[in-house]
N, C-alpha and C. Protein backbone atom coordinates (compact mmCIF):
# COMPACT_ATOMS: atom_id res chain seq x y z
N MET A 1 137.25 26.79 -77.97
CA MET A 1 138.02 27.41 -79.08
C MET A 1 137.00 28.75 -78.80
N ASN A 2 137.52 30.17 -78.72
CA ASN A 2 136.42 31.29 -79.24
C ASN A 2 136.54 31.80 -80.47
N ASN A 3 135.81 32.24 -81.10
CA ASN A 3 135.58 33.02 -82.70
C ASN A 3 136.83 33.59 -82.75
N GLN A 4 137.25 34.55 -82.15
CA GLN A 4 138.58 35.23 -82.47
C GLN A 4 139.64 34.17 -82.91
N THR A 5 140.06 33.59 -81.79
CA THR A 5 140.98 32.48 -82.07
C THR A 5 140.95 31.78 -83.09
N GLU A 6 139.49 31.07 -83.48
CA GLU A 6 139.30 30.18 -84.54
C GLU A 6 139.55 30.92 -85.81
N GLY A 7 138.91 32.17 -86.26
CA GLY A 7 138.99 33.33 -87.16
C GLY A 7 140.66 33.51 -87.49
N GLN A 8 141.47 33.70 -86.28
CA GLN A 8 143.11 33.97 -86.88
C GLN A 8 143.35 32.68 -87.25
N ARG A 9 143.03 31.40 -86.71
CA ARG A 9 143.61 29.85 -87.32
C ARG A 9 143.39 29.92 -88.79
N LEU A 10 141.81 30.08 -88.80
CA LEU A 10 141.34 30.01 -90.32
C LEU A 10 141.84 31.01 -91.49
N SER A 11 142.25 32.12 -90.73
CA SER A 11 143.11 33.29 -91.85
C SER A 11 144.12 32.82 -92.14
N GLU A 12 144.90 32.11 -90.94
CA GLU A 12 146.32 31.44 -91.28
C GLU A 12 146.56 30.58 -92.06
N ALA A 13 145.55 29.55 -91.89
CA ALA A 13 145.07 28.77 -92.98
C ALA A 13 144.69 29.13 -94.42
N ILE A 14 143.64 30.13 -94.65
CA ILE A 14 143.67 30.45 -96.05
C ILE A 14 145.08 30.91 -96.43
N ASP A 15 145.58 31.95 -95.60
CA ASP A 15 147.12 32.57 -96.22
C ASP A 15 148.04 31.08 -96.63
N ALA A 16 148.19 30.27 -95.82
CA ALA A 16 148.79 28.92 -96.30
C ALA A 16 148.70 28.47 -97.46
N ALA A 17 147.12 28.36 -97.69
CA ALA A 17 146.62 27.41 -98.73
C ALA A 17 146.80 28.29 -99.80
N LEU A 18 146.72 29.42 -99.70
CA LEU A 18 146.98 30.38 -100.90
C LEU A 18 148.48 30.41 -101.67
N ARG A 19 149.46 30.58 -100.69
CA ARG A 19 150.92 29.96 -101.09
C ARG A 19 150.98 28.60 -101.57
N ASN A 20 150.28 27.73 -101.29
CA ASN A 20 150.39 26.27 -101.70
C ASN A 20 149.80 26.41 -102.94
N LEU A 21 148.70 27.00 -103.52
CA LEU A 21 147.83 26.96 -104.62
C LEU A 21 148.95 27.66 -105.36
N SER A 22 149.35 29.05 -104.93
CA SER A 22 150.54 29.37 -105.91
C SER A 22 151.65 28.74 -106.71
N ALA A 23 152.57 28.07 -105.52
CA ALA A 23 153.48 27.26 -105.62
C ALA A 23 152.78 25.88 -106.77
N SER A 24 151.61 25.34 -106.63
CA SER A 24 150.86 23.76 -107.12
C SER A 24 150.66 24.73 -108.66
N ALA A 25 150.67 26.05 -108.88
CA ALA A 25 150.21 26.40 -110.09
C ALA A 25 151.53 26.79 -110.69
N TYR A 26 152.15 27.36 -110.33
CA TYR A 26 153.64 27.23 -111.18
C TYR A 26 154.13 26.17 -111.57
N ASP A 27 154.09 25.26 -110.64
CA ASP A 27 154.59 23.71 -111.00
C ASP A 27 153.66 23.18 -112.16
N CYS A 28 152.39 23.46 -111.90
CA CYS A 28 151.35 22.50 -113.00
C CYS A 28 152.06 23.43 -114.45
N ALA A 29 152.17 24.66 -114.39
CA ALA A 29 152.62 25.38 -115.57
C ALA A 29 153.89 24.76 -116.14
N ARG A 30 154.73 24.71 -115.17
CA ARG A 30 156.28 24.24 -115.74
C ARG A 30 156.07 22.40 -116.05
N THR A 31 155.32 21.89 -115.25
CA THR A 31 155.57 20.45 -116.08
C THR A 31 154.85 20.29 -117.18
N ASP A 32 153.41 21.42 -117.25
CA ASP A 32 152.80 21.23 -118.80
C ASP A 32 153.93 21.92 -119.81
N HIS A 33 154.50 22.67 -119.60
CA HIS A 33 155.30 23.03 -120.38
C HIS A 33 156.35 22.39 -120.96
N GLU A 34 156.98 21.67 -119.94
CA GLU A 34 158.43 20.54 -120.36
C GLU A 34 157.46 19.17 -121.19
N TYR A 35 156.55 18.85 -120.51
CA TYR A 35 155.73 18.21 -121.19
C TYR A 35 155.63 18.47 -122.80
N ARG A 36 154.73 19.67 -123.10
CA ARG A 36 154.59 19.68 -124.40
C ARG A 36 155.30 19.93 -125.40
N LYS A 37 156.66 20.30 -124.68
CA LYS A 37 157.96 20.53 -125.39
C LYS A 37 158.43 19.53 -125.74
N ALA A 38 158.62 18.31 -125.09
CA ALA A 38 159.09 17.27 -125.24
C ALA A 38 158.35 16.25 -126.19
N HIS A 39 157.32 16.51 -126.00
CA HIS A 39 156.19 15.80 -126.89
C HIS A 39 156.22 16.38 -128.30
N ALA A 40 156.40 17.56 -128.87
CA ALA A 40 156.37 17.83 -129.87
C ALA A 40 157.93 17.71 -130.46
N GLU A 41 159.07 17.48 -129.93
CA GLU A 41 160.03 17.36 -129.94
C GLU A 41 160.33 15.79 -130.63
N GLU A 42 159.81 14.92 -129.85
CA GLU A 42 159.86 13.46 -129.96
C GLU A 42 158.63 13.05 -130.94
N TYR A 43 157.65 13.94 -131.13
CA TYR A 43 156.73 13.78 -132.40
C TYR A 43 157.32 13.82 -133.73
N LEU A 44 157.99 14.95 -133.64
CA LEU A 44 158.51 15.16 -134.78
C LEU A 44 159.62 14.03 -135.54
N GLN A 45 160.33 13.27 -134.69
CA GLN A 45 161.34 12.29 -134.94
C GLN A 45 160.73 10.96 -135.16
N ALA A 46 159.27 11.06 -134.42
CA ALA A 46 158.96 9.46 -134.12
C ALA A 46 158.77 9.13 -135.54
N GLU A 47 158.91 7.85 -135.94
CA GLU A 47 158.96 7.19 -137.18
C GLU A 47 157.52 6.29 -137.43
N GLY A 48 156.64 6.03 -136.75
CA GLY A 48 155.42 5.64 -137.07
C GLY A 48 154.95 5.73 -138.34
N LYS A 49 154.33 5.01 -138.61
CA LYS A 49 153.47 5.09 -140.24
C LYS A 49 152.10 5.80 -139.75
N THR A 50 151.16 5.55 -139.02
CA THR A 50 150.12 6.44 -138.39
C THR A 50 150.39 7.29 -137.00
N VAL A 51 149.09 8.24 -136.98
CA VAL A 51 149.22 8.86 -136.29
C VAL A 51 149.32 8.32 -134.70
N ALA A 52 148.55 7.04 -134.68
CA ALA A 52 148.63 6.13 -133.13
C ALA A 52 149.94 5.45 -133.17
N ASP A 53 150.52 5.16 -134.15
CA ASP A 53 151.85 4.57 -134.09
C ASP A 53 152.99 5.75 -133.36
N ARG A 54 152.56 6.82 -134.06
CA ARG A 54 153.72 7.92 -133.80
C ARG A 54 153.47 8.33 -132.39
N GLU A 55 152.15 8.66 -131.57
CA GLU A 55 151.64 8.57 -130.43
C GLU A 55 152.49 7.68 -129.39
N ALA A 56 152.04 6.53 -129.70
CA ALA A 56 152.70 5.44 -128.81
C ALA A 56 154.02 5.56 -128.54
N GLU A 57 154.76 5.75 -129.48
CA GLU A 57 156.44 5.59 -129.94
C GLU A 57 156.46 7.05 -128.80
N VAL A 58 155.85 7.98 -128.95
CA VAL A 58 156.07 9.21 -128.34
C VAL A 58 155.99 9.19 -126.87
N TYR A 59 155.10 8.33 -126.75
CA TYR A 59 154.42 8.00 -124.96
C TYR A 59 155.68 7.39 -124.18
N LYS A 60 155.92 6.48 -124.91
CA LYS A 60 157.14 5.33 -124.70
C LYS A 60 158.29 6.17 -124.24
N LYS A 61 158.76 7.06 -124.86
CA LYS A 61 159.96 8.21 -124.34
C LYS A 61 159.68 8.83 -123.16
N ILE A 62 158.62 9.91 -123.40
CA ILE A 62 158.16 10.42 -122.50
C ILE A 62 156.94 10.43 -121.57
N GLY A 63 156.42 9.11 -121.20
CA GLY A 63 155.52 8.79 -120.67
C GLY A 63 155.59 9.61 -119.17
N LYS A 64 156.45 9.58 -118.93
CA LYS A 64 157.19 9.88 -117.36
C LYS A 64 156.78 11.35 -117.18
N LEU A 65 157.06 12.46 -118.19
CA LEU A 65 156.23 13.52 -118.09
C LEU A 65 155.40 14.11 -118.10
N ARG A 66 154.71 13.10 -118.98
CA ARG A 66 153.01 13.41 -118.99
C ARG A 66 152.27 12.88 -117.47
N LEU A 67 153.05 11.97 -116.50
CA LEU A 67 152.82 11.39 -115.45
C LEU A 67 152.96 12.35 -114.58
N GLU A 68 154.26 13.33 -114.54
CA GLU A 68 154.16 14.19 -113.86
C GLU A 68 153.75 15.56 -114.22
N ARG A 69 153.22 15.62 -115.32
CA ARG A 69 152.12 17.10 -115.36
C ARG A 69 150.88 16.44 -114.99
N GLU A 70 150.21 15.44 -114.59
CA GLU A 70 149.14 14.60 -114.36
C GLU A 70 149.30 15.12 -113.25
N LEU A 71 150.13 14.53 -112.36
CA LEU A 71 150.40 14.78 -110.92
C LEU A 71 150.73 16.01 -110.31
N ALA A 72 151.21 17.09 -111.02
CA ALA A 72 150.95 18.36 -110.81
C ALA A 72 149.60 19.42 -110.91
N GLU A 73 148.90 18.91 -111.93
CA GLU A 73 147.40 19.25 -111.98
C GLU A 73 146.54 18.95 -110.68
N ALA A 74 146.84 17.56 -110.48
CA ALA A 74 146.06 17.17 -109.38
C ALA A 74 146.38 17.70 -108.08
N LYS A 75 147.25 18.33 -107.80
CA LYS A 75 148.40 18.85 -106.71
C LYS A 75 147.24 20.36 -106.75
N LYS A 76 147.39 21.03 -108.04
CA LYS A 76 146.72 22.08 -108.01
C LYS A 76 145.43 22.30 -107.76
N LEU A 77 144.54 21.14 -108.14
CA LEU A 77 143.18 20.54 -108.12
C LEU A 77 143.16 20.72 -106.19
N ILE A 78 143.73 19.71 -105.76
CA ILE A 78 143.69 19.60 -104.45
C ILE A 78 143.92 21.05 -103.76
N ALA A 79 144.84 22.01 -103.98
CA ALA A 79 145.17 23.27 -103.08
C ALA A 79 144.16 24.09 -103.63
N ILE A 80 143.33 23.97 -104.81
CA ILE A 80 142.10 24.60 -104.79
C ILE A 80 140.82 24.40 -104.01
N GLU A 81 140.84 23.07 -103.75
CA GLU A 81 139.77 22.55 -103.11
C GLU A 81 139.95 22.81 -101.12
N SER A 82 141.23 22.99 -101.06
CA SER A 82 141.77 23.11 -99.57
C SER A 82 141.12 24.68 -99.49
N LEU A 83 141.86 25.44 -100.50
CA LEU A 83 141.36 27.04 -100.01
C LEU A 83 139.87 27.15 -99.96
N ARG A 84 138.85 26.43 -101.00
CA ARG A 84 138.23 26.73 -100.75
C ARG A 84 137.13 26.07 -99.33
N SER A 85 137.41 24.94 -99.10
CA SER A 85 136.96 24.45 -97.84
C SER A 85 137.92 25.48 -96.71
N HIS A 86 138.59 25.90 -96.28
CA HIS A 86 139.13 27.09 -95.36
C HIS A 86 138.14 28.15 -95.66
N ARG A 87 137.88 28.57 -96.72
CA ARG A 87 136.97 30.06 -97.27
C ARG A 87 135.75 29.59 -96.56
N GLN A 88 135.20 28.37 -96.76
CA GLN A 88 133.74 28.02 -96.46
C GLN A 88 133.48 28.23 -94.73
N GLN A 89 134.96 27.70 -94.33
CA GLN A 89 134.77 27.72 -92.58
C GLN A 89 134.81 28.85 -92.34
N MET A 90 135.48 29.81 -93.01
CA MET A 90 135.62 30.99 -92.68
C MET A 90 134.21 31.64 -92.64
N SER A 91 133.30 31.22 -93.61
CA SER A 91 132.05 31.91 -93.82
C SER A 91 131.21 31.27 -92.58
N TYR A 92 131.11 30.48 -92.61
CA TYR A 92 130.67 29.46 -91.11
C TYR A 92 130.76 30.15 -89.84
N LEU A 93 131.97 30.37 -89.47
CA LEU A 93 132.77 31.29 -88.32
C LEU A 93 131.84 32.75 -88.38
N GLN A 94 131.95 32.92 -89.56
CA GLN A 94 131.08 34.61 -89.69
C GLN A 94 129.60 34.58 -89.07
N THR A 95 129.00 33.55 -89.59
CA THR A 95 127.58 33.68 -89.80
C THR A 95 127.35 33.02 -88.14
N LEU A 96 128.21 32.35 -87.14
CA LEU A 96 127.68 32.02 -86.20
C LEU A 96 128.18 33.01 -85.31
N THR A 97 129.22 33.82 -85.82
CA THR A 97 129.54 35.27 -84.92
C THR A 97 128.29 36.07 -85.10
N ASN A 98 127.76 36.32 -86.39
CA ASN A 98 126.83 37.08 -86.34
C ASN A 98 125.67 37.02 -85.88
N LEU A 99 125.02 35.54 -85.73
CA LEU A 99 124.37 34.80 -84.93
C LEU A 99 124.19 35.04 -83.25
N ASN A 100 125.50 34.98 -82.59
CA ASN A 100 125.79 35.48 -81.30
C ASN A 100 125.39 36.68 -81.03
N LYS A 101 125.72 37.31 -81.92
CA LYS A 101 125.46 39.12 -82.01
C LYS A 101 124.17 39.39 -81.57
N ALA A 102 123.08 38.92 -82.69
CA ALA A 102 121.94 39.09 -82.75
C ALA A 102 121.22 38.52 -81.47
N GLU A 103 121.58 37.31 -81.29
CA GLU A 103 121.11 36.69 -80.15
C GLU A 103 121.29 37.55 -78.90
N ALA A 104 122.39 38.24 -78.95
CA ALA A 104 122.76 39.19 -77.50
C ALA A 104 122.19 40.41 -77.59
N GLN A 105 122.03 41.02 -78.60
CA GLN A 105 120.98 41.99 -78.93
C GLN A 105 119.71 41.68 -78.28
N LEU A 106 119.21 40.64 -78.72
CA LEU A 106 117.74 40.26 -78.30
C LEU A 106 117.56 40.53 -76.63
N ALA A 107 118.67 39.57 -76.17
CA ALA A 107 118.61 39.34 -74.68
C ALA A 107 118.58 40.46 -74.31
N ASN A 108 119.46 41.79 -74.55
CA ASN A 108 119.64 42.94 -74.12
C ASN A 108 118.33 43.81 -74.99
N GLY A 109 117.15 43.14 -74.97
CA GLY A 109 115.97 44.46 -75.19
C GLY A 109 116.36 44.84 -76.51
N GLY A 110 117.36 44.45 -77.72
CA GLY A 110 117.10 45.07 -78.94
C GLY A 110 118.34 45.80 -78.99
N ARG A 111 118.90 46.22 -77.85
CA ARG A 111 119.96 47.08 -77.86
C ARG A 111 121.32 46.63 -77.95
N ALA A 112 121.78 47.13 -78.79
CA ALA A 112 123.44 46.90 -79.47
C ALA A 112 124.46 46.99 -77.97
């Protein structure tokens, strides 16, 4: 595969990773909002004697929302790492391309 083709592939992968990150960030914010809202509502209705008792009661009722929030956060982190990886690959390709140009110039007596 030549550098131009690989550069195009990586550019498309970066674009896709950005779209994925955007969707993941939105989902993360939405699930966090839903969890916090439900937590506040349930906590106000909880009848435990201690804070720990109230938290346990709340978790029993909305634990699934917390799981969804944590999974959305994990997906967002994965999307961030995917984008970083593609950017690093693009940087590597640019370095190789510049190296090839420099070698060609040296082989041509230093002329471009």
